[in-house]
Amino acid sequence: MIKIGDAAVSEEKVVETTTMASEESKEKSKSEKEATSTKKAKSQPQSRGTARTKLVREKEDEEISLFKENIYIVFVECETPGNVGFLARTMANFGLKNLVLINPTKLTNEAYYQATHGKYIVENAKIYPTLDDFYQSQRIDFKVASTGMAGGSYNLSRIPIRPEELGKSMNISNKIAILFGREGDGLSNKEIGDCDICVSIPTDPTYPIMNISHAAAIIFYELFKNKHDYGVEGLNESTPLEKEYLVSDMNDLIDFLDIPEHKKNNSKKTFNNIISRAFITGREAHTLKGILRRLKNKLGEQ
């Protein structure tokens, strides 16, 4: 009970105490709110970052799966079982598993022995009598020929790209066949001509031909190191059918020209090579096709 005589002093003390307590309470409450706010602010970006990381990982997993499923390594008429094993071992090093053998020699124990940890690849290899049988069976979208004998501008089928260019440009959403030729003679001109592009490894001209497993290792490495760079969001590569229409329209245009037949054939082959190496998008193919069609219509009116 507060008395009248000491009211002023007592009241002052009470008020002072109450005010201090109130200020302390406010400060404490403010600190707690700030701590909670800071905690939330820290946790939210981390949550978004975790979600973003998960999406990146899922995309990478999908690309790795496509890389393994859609690339076919084709060995044409191999002559030595051991080279089949060496090739399988190299494939295993870079996560490839689809080995195709075209009219191979008999696979002896040497093939499995040289494959070491890639033995399962030899065991699961698919065998076909001809390349055409393989193409039709697996519905291959894109064919790559490998050669140690690159051609110049007068050998249009053998104008090559380097393994690095191949690795950066390939669309692994499509089924891709990479061909390796016979140990002695390699791939024939016809087999190379039937492919969309030709890849060659620059080597010393005094000894340009590499062992198949060595050449394969260089090519596989370039494919493997770029496997995360294939997909470009919003850019879908043109389909084989779209490219076929483009080439067909250009062939019709070339036939309109008054030039010798051999020049027409070279012109057609040149355009086909350009389209094969270009990795153009569907929109680009559609635009080019429209231009070629208009040109055809104009020439047809004359």
Protein backbone atom coordinates (compact mmCIF):
# COMPACT_ATOMS: atom_id res chain seq x y z
CA MET A 1 0.00 0.00 0.00
CA ILE A 2 1.46 3.34 -1.06
CA LYS A 3 1.25 6.22 1.50
CA ILE A 4 0.62 9.85 0.59
CA GLY A 5 3.93 11.03 2.09
CA ASP A 6 6.12 8.81 -0.02
CA ALA A 7 3.90 8.71 -3.03
CA ALA A 8 6.18 10.69 -5.29
CA VAL A 9 9.28 8.60 -4.61
CA SER A 10 7.47 5.30 -4.65
CA GLU A 11 5.54 6.16 -7.77
CA GLU A 12 8.71 7.24 -9.52
CA LYS A 13 10.37 3.97 -8.69
CA VAL A 14 7.38 1.96 -9.75
CA VAL A 15 7.07 3.82 -13.02
CA GLU A 16 10.79 3.58 -13.68
CA THR A 17 10.84 -0.14 -12.97
CA THR A 18 7.81 -0.74 -15.11
CA THR A 19 9.22 1.30 -17.99
CA MET A 20 12.55 -0.52 -17.89
CA ALA A 21 10.84 -3.87 -17.79
CA SER A 22 8.64 -2.85 -20.70
CA GLU A 23 11.65 -1.69 -22.75
CA GLU A 24 13.52 -4.91 -21.98
CA SER A 25 10.49 -6.92 -23.03
CA LYS A 26 10.22 -4.98 -26.29
CA GLU A 27 13.91 -5.40 -27.03
CA LYS A 28 13.70 -9.12 -26.32
CA SER A 29 10.63 -9.49 -28.50
CA LYS A 30 12.32 -7.50 -31.27
CA SER A 31 15.46 -9.65 -31.06
CA GLU A 32 13.41 -12.83 -31.19
CA LYS A 33 11.50 -11.57 -34.25
CA GLU A 34 14.74 -10.59 -35.99
CA ALA A 35 16.28 -13.97 -35.21
CA THR A 36 13.19 -15.76 -36.52
CA SER A 37 13.14 -13.54 -39.62
CA THR A 38 16.84 -14.18 -40.26
CA LYS A 39 16.35 -17.90 -39.79
CA LYS A 40 13.49 -17.92 -42.31
CA ALA A 41 15.45 -15.81 -44.77
CA LYS A 42 18.36 -18.22 -44.57
CA SER A 43 16.20 -21.31 -44.87
CA GLN A 44 14.16 -20.13 -47.88
CA PRO A 45 17.05 -19.72 -50.39
CA GLN A 46 18.50 -22.98 -49.17
CA SER A 47 15.16 -24.66 -49.92
CA ARG A 48 15.02 -23.10 -53.38
CA GLY A 49 18.66 -24.01 -53.93
CA THR A 50 17.98 -27.59 -52.95
CA ALA A 51 15.05 -27.78 -55.36
CA ARG A 52 17.19 -26.26 -58.12
CA THR A 53 19.99 -28.74 -57.45
CA LYS A 54 17.50 -31.60 -57.59
CA LEU A 55 16.23 -30.44 -60.99
CA VAL A 56 19.79 -30.16 -62.31
CA ARG A 57 20.59 -33.65 -61.09
CA GLU A 58 17.43 -35.07 -62.63
CA LYS A 59 18.32 -33.43 -65.96
CA GLU A 60 21.86 -34.79 -65.79
CA ASP A 61 20.55 -38.28 -64.98
CA GLU A 62 18.23 -38.08 -67.97
CA GLU A 63 21.09 -37.00 -70.26
CA ILE A 64 23.32 -39.80 -69.01
CA SER A 65 20.52 -42.29 -69.63
CA LEU A 66 20.02 -40.99 -73.20
CA PHE A 67 23.78 -41.08 -73.76
CA LYS A 68 23.88 -44.77 -72.82
CA GLU A 69 20.68 -45.81 -74.56
CA ASN A 70 20.80 -43.93 -77.87
CA ILE A 71 24.41 -44.29 -79.04
CA TYR A 72 25.28 -47.46 -80.98
CA ILE A 73 28.90 -48.39 -81.63
CA VAL A 74 29.10 -50.37 -84.87
CA PHE A 75 32.12 -52.49 -85.81
CA VAL A 76 31.91 -53.49 -89.49
CA GLU A 77 33.30 -56.90 -90.43
CA CYS A 78 35.89 -57.09 -87.67
CA GLU A 79 38.74 -59.46 -88.44
CA THR A 80 40.23 -60.01 -84.97
CA PRO A 81 38.24 -61.12 -81.88
CA GLY A 82 40.70 -59.31 -79.62
CA ASN A 83 39.80 -55.95 -81.18
CA VAL A 84 36.16 -56.56 -80.33
CA GLY A 85 37.23 -56.99 -76.71
CA PHE A 86 39.40 -53.87 -76.74
CA LEU A 87 36.54 -51.85 -78.23
CA ALA A 88 34.10 -53.15 -75.60
CA ARG A 89 36.54 -52.25 -72.83
CA THR A 90 36.85 -48.71 -74.20
CA MET A 91 33.07 -48.42 -74.40
CA ALA A 92 32.77 -49.43 -70.75
CA ASN A 93 35.26 -46.70 -69.79
CA PHE A 94 32.89 -44.06 -71.16
CA GLY A 95 29.51 -45.49 -70.19
CA LEU A 96 28.52 -46.84 -73.62
CA LYS A 97 26.85 -50.23 -73.84
CA ASN A 98 25.29 -50.78 -77.30
CA LEU A 99 27.82 -52.74 -79.35
CA VAL A 100 26.78 -53.83 -82.86
CA LEU A 101 28.82 -56.26 -84.95
CA ILE A 102 28.26 -56.46 -88.71
CA ASN A 103 29.19 -59.83 -90.22
CA PRO A 104 31.94 -60.40 -87.64
CA THR A 105 34.59 -63.06 -87.36
CA LYS A 106 33.91 -65.82 -84.84
CA LEU A 107 34.12 -64.44 -81.30
CA THR A 108 36.61 -66.59 -79.43
CA ASN A 109 37.59 -66.36 -75.76
CA GLU A 110 40.10 -63.64 -76.69
CA ALA A 111 37.26 -61.17 -77.26
CA TYR A 112 35.92 -61.71 -73.73
CA TYR A 113 39.38 -61.76 -72.17
CA GLN A 114 40.48 -58.46 -73.74
CA ALA A 115 37.20 -56.81 -72.75
CA THR A 116 38.04 -57.34 -69.03
CA HIS A 117 35.32 -55.40 -67.14
CA GLY A 118 33.53 -54.73 -70.43
CA LYS A 119 32.86 -58.43 -70.94
CA TYR A 120 29.11 -57.86 -70.52
CA ILE A 121 29.17 -55.59 -73.58
CA VAL A 122 30.54 -58.40 -75.76
CA GLU A 123 28.00 -60.82 -74.31
CA ASN A 124 25.12 -58.47 -75.16
CA ALA A 125 26.42 -57.38 -78.57
CA LYS A 126 23.88 -57.43 -81.41
CA ILE A 127 24.99 -59.12 -84.63
CA TYR A 128 23.62 -58.31 -88.10
CA PRO A 129 24.63 -59.62 -91.54
CA THR A 130 24.62 -56.14 -93.14
CA LEU A 131 24.51 -52.47 -92.18
CA ASP A 132 21.13 -52.06 -93.87
CA ASP A 133 19.67 -54.80 -91.68
CA PHE A 134 20.93 -52.95 -88.61
CA TYR A 135 19.64 -49.54 -89.77
CA GLN A 136 16.18 -50.92 -90.44
CA SER A 137 16.03 -52.96 -87.25
CA GLN A 138 16.99 -50.15 -84.87
CA ARG A 139 15.51 -47.22 -86.85
CA ILE A 140 18.71 -45.19 -86.66
CA ASP A 141 18.21 -41.41 -86.98
CA PHE A 142 21.80 -40.28 -87.52
CA LYS A 143 24.85 -42.13 -88.88
CA VAL A 144 28.49 -41.17 -88.24
CA ALA A 145 31.35 -42.73 -90.20
CA SER A 146 34.86 -42.77 -88.73
CA THR A 147 37.88 -42.78 -91.01
CA GLY A 148 41.61 -42.27 -90.85
CA MET A 149 41.67 -41.22 -94.51
CA ALA A 150 39.93 -37.86 -94.60
CA GLY A 151 39.04 -36.47 -98.00
CA GLY A 152 39.37 -33.01 -99.49
CA SER A 153 36.90 -30.86 -101.37
CA TYR A 154 36.93 -33.28 -104.33
CA ASN A 155 36.02 -36.29 -102.18
CA LEU A 156 32.74 -35.02 -100.78
CA SER A 157 31.86 -38.16 -98.82
CA ARG A 158 35.05 -37.92 -96.78
CA ILE A 159 34.99 -34.25 -95.79
CA PRO A 160 35.40 -34.73 -92.02
CA ILE A 161 34.66 -33.02 -88.74
CA ARG A 162 36.83 -33.50 -85.66
CA PRO A 163 35.74 -35.56 -82.64
CA GLU A 164 35.43 -32.39 -80.54
CA GLU A 165 32.93 -30.89 -82.99
CA LEU A 166 30.96 -34.13 -82.99
CA GLY A 167 30.82 -34.21 -79.19
CA LYS A 168 29.57 -30.64 -78.93
CA SER A 169 26.96 -30.93 -81.65
CA MET A 170 25.34 -34.33 -81.27
CA ASN A 171 21.73 -34.53 -80.17
CA ILE A 172 21.49 -37.64 -78.01
CA SER A 173 17.70 -37.52 -78.06
CA ASN A 174 18.06 -39.25 -81.45
CA LYS A 175 19.37 -42.74 -82.14
CA ILE A 176 22.96 -42.38 -83.34
CA ALA A 177 25.21 -44.99 -84.92
CA ILE A 178 28.99 -44.47 -84.93
CA LEU A 179 30.71 -46.76 -87.45
CA PHE A 180 34.21 -48.20 -87.24
CA GLY A 181 35.57 -50.06 -90.24
CA ARG A 182 37.62 -53.16 -90.91
CA GLU A 183 41.09 -53.35 -89.39
CA GLY A 184 42.71 -53.56 -92.83
CA ASP A 185 40.56 -51.47 -95.17
CA GLY A 186 38.29 -49.38 -92.95
CA LEU A 187 34.89 -48.36 -94.26
CA SER A 188 34.15 -48.36 -97.98
CA ASN A 189 33.28 -45.18 -99.87
CA LYS A 190 29.69 -46.39 -100.16
CA GLU A 191 29.41 -47.08 -96.41
CA ILE A 192 30.78 -43.60 -95.67
CA GLY A 193 28.55 -42.04 -98.33
CA ASP A 194 25.48 -43.56 -96.69
CA CYS A 195 26.33 -41.81 -93.42
CA ASP A 196 25.27 -38.28 -92.48
CA ILE A 197 28.73 -37.08 -91.47
CA CYS A 198 32.30 -38.31 -91.30
CA VAL A 199 34.56 -37.91 -88.25
CA SER A 200 38.35 -38.12 -88.43
CA ILE A 201 41.17 -37.69 -85.91
CA PRO A 202 44.09 -35.50 -87.03
CA THR A 203 47.25 -37.63 -86.96
CA ASP A 204 50.78 -37.44 -88.30
CA PRO A 205 50.63 -38.04 -92.07
CA THR A 206 53.52 -40.49 -91.93
CA TYR A 207 51.32 -42.92 -89.98
CA PRO A 208 47.70 -41.72 -90.04
CA ILE A 209 45.85 -44.98 -89.32
CA MET A 210 45.10 -45.63 -85.64
CA ASN A 211 44.22 -48.85 -83.87
CA ILE A 212 40.44 -49.06 -83.52
CA SER A 213 40.41 -48.95 -79.72
CA HIS A 214 42.74 -45.91 -79.68
CA ALA A 215 40.60 -44.04 -82.19
CA ALA A 216 37.45 -45.06 -80.33
CA ALA A 217 38.86 -43.80 -77.02
CA ILE A 218 39.44 -40.31 -78.46
CA ILE A 219 35.99 -40.12 -80.02
CA PHE A 220 34.23 -41.54 -76.94
CA TYR A 221 36.04 -39.09 -74.67
CA GLU A 222 34.83 -36.13 -76.70
CA LEU A 223 31.27 -37.47 -76.60
CA PHE A 224 31.43 -38.22 -72.89
CA LYS A 225 32.91 -34.91 -71.71
CA ASN A 226 30.21 -32.97 -73.55
CA LYS A 227 27.23 -35.06 -72.56
CA HIS A 228 25.85 -32.27 -70.35
CA ASP A 229 26.02 -29.74 -73.18
CA TYR A 230 23.83 -31.50 -75.75
CA GLY A 231 20.39 -30.30 -74.78
CA VAL A 232 19.71 -26.63 -75.48
CA GLU A 233 16.40 -25.53 -74.04
CA GLY A 234 13.95 -24.34 -76.67
CA LEU A 235 16.02 -25.61 -79.60
CA ASN A 236 14.85 -28.90 -81.08
CA GLU A 237 16.99 -30.39 -83.81
CA SER A 238 15.27 -31.01 -87.12
CA THR A 239 14.13 -34.55 -87.77
CA PRO A 240 15.67 -36.79 -90.45
CA LEU A 241 12.43 -36.41 -92.45
CA GLU A 242 12.66 -32.59 -92.37
CA LYS A 243 16.24 -32.79 -93.61
CA GLU A 244 15.18 -35.24 -96.29
CA TYR A 245 12.55 -32.78 -97.56
CA LEU A 246 15.13 -29.99 -97.62
CA VAL A 247 17.57 -32.07 -99.67
CA SER A 248 14.77 -33.17 -102.00
CA ASP A 249 13.67 -29.59 -102.66
CA MET A 250 17.25 -28.49 -103.35
CA ASN A 251 17.74 -31.45 -105.69
CA ASP A 252 14.67 -30.33 -107.67
CA LEU A 253 16.06 -26.80 -107.90
CA ILE A 254 19.45 -28.05 -109.09
CA ASP A 255 17.73 -30.11 -111.78
CA PHE A 256 16.26 -26.85 -113.16
CA LEU A 257 19.77 -25.50 -113.78
CA ASP A 258 21.43 -25.75 -117.17
CA ILE A 259 24.70 -27.31 -116.02
CA PRO A 260 26.47 -30.63 -116.80
CA GLU A 261 25.14 -33.73 -115.06
CA HIS A 262 28.32 -34.36 -113.05
CA LYS A 263 28.15 -30.81 -111.65
CA LYS A 264 24.55 -31.37 -110.67
CA ASN A 265 25.55 -34.53 -108.75
CA ASN A 266 28.39 -32.72 -106.96
CA SER A 267 26.08 -29.83 -106.09
CA LYS A 268 23.49 -32.19 -104.63
CA LYS A 269 26.11 -34.03 -102.61
CA THR A 270 27.56 -30.75 -101.33
CA PHE A 271 24.19 -29.48 -100.11
CA ASN A 272 23.45 -32.84 -98.49
CA ASN A 273 26.80 -32.66 -96.64
CA ILE A 274 26.08 -29.14 -95.42
CA ILE A 275 22.65 -30.08 -94.09
CA SER A 276 24.03 -33.22 -92.44
CA ARG A 277 26.78 -31.32 -90.63
CA ALA A 278 24.70 -28.27 -89.73
CA PHE A 279 22.55 -29.78 -86.91
CA ILE A 280 19.84 -27.26 -87.83
CA THR A 281 16.74 -26.76 -85.70
CA GLY A 282 13.23 -27.66 -86.79
CA ARG A 283 12.34 -23.97 -87.21
CA GLU A 284 15.41 -23.39 -89.39
CA ALA A 285 14.53 -26.40 -91.54
CA HIS A 286 10.95 -25.15 -91.91
CA THR A 287 12.14 -21.66 -92.95
CA LEU A 288 14.63 -23.02 -95.50
CA LYS A 289 12.03 -25.38 -96.90
CA GLY A 290 9.63 -22.48 -97.41
CA ILE A 291 12.27 -20.50 -99.33
CA LEU A 292 13.17 -23.47 -101.54
CA ARG A 293 9.52 -24.16 -102.28
CA ARG A 294 8.95 -20.54 -103.37
CA LEU A 295 12.01 -20.70 -105.61
CA LYS A 296 10.70 -23.92 -107.17
CA ASN A 297 7.32 -22.31 -107.80
CA LYS A 298 8.96 -19.25 -109.41
CA LEU A 299 11.09 -21.39 -111.69
CA GLY A 300 8.08 -23.51 -112.57
CA GLU A 301 6.17 -20.42 -113.72
CA GLN A 302 8.88 -19.43 -116.21
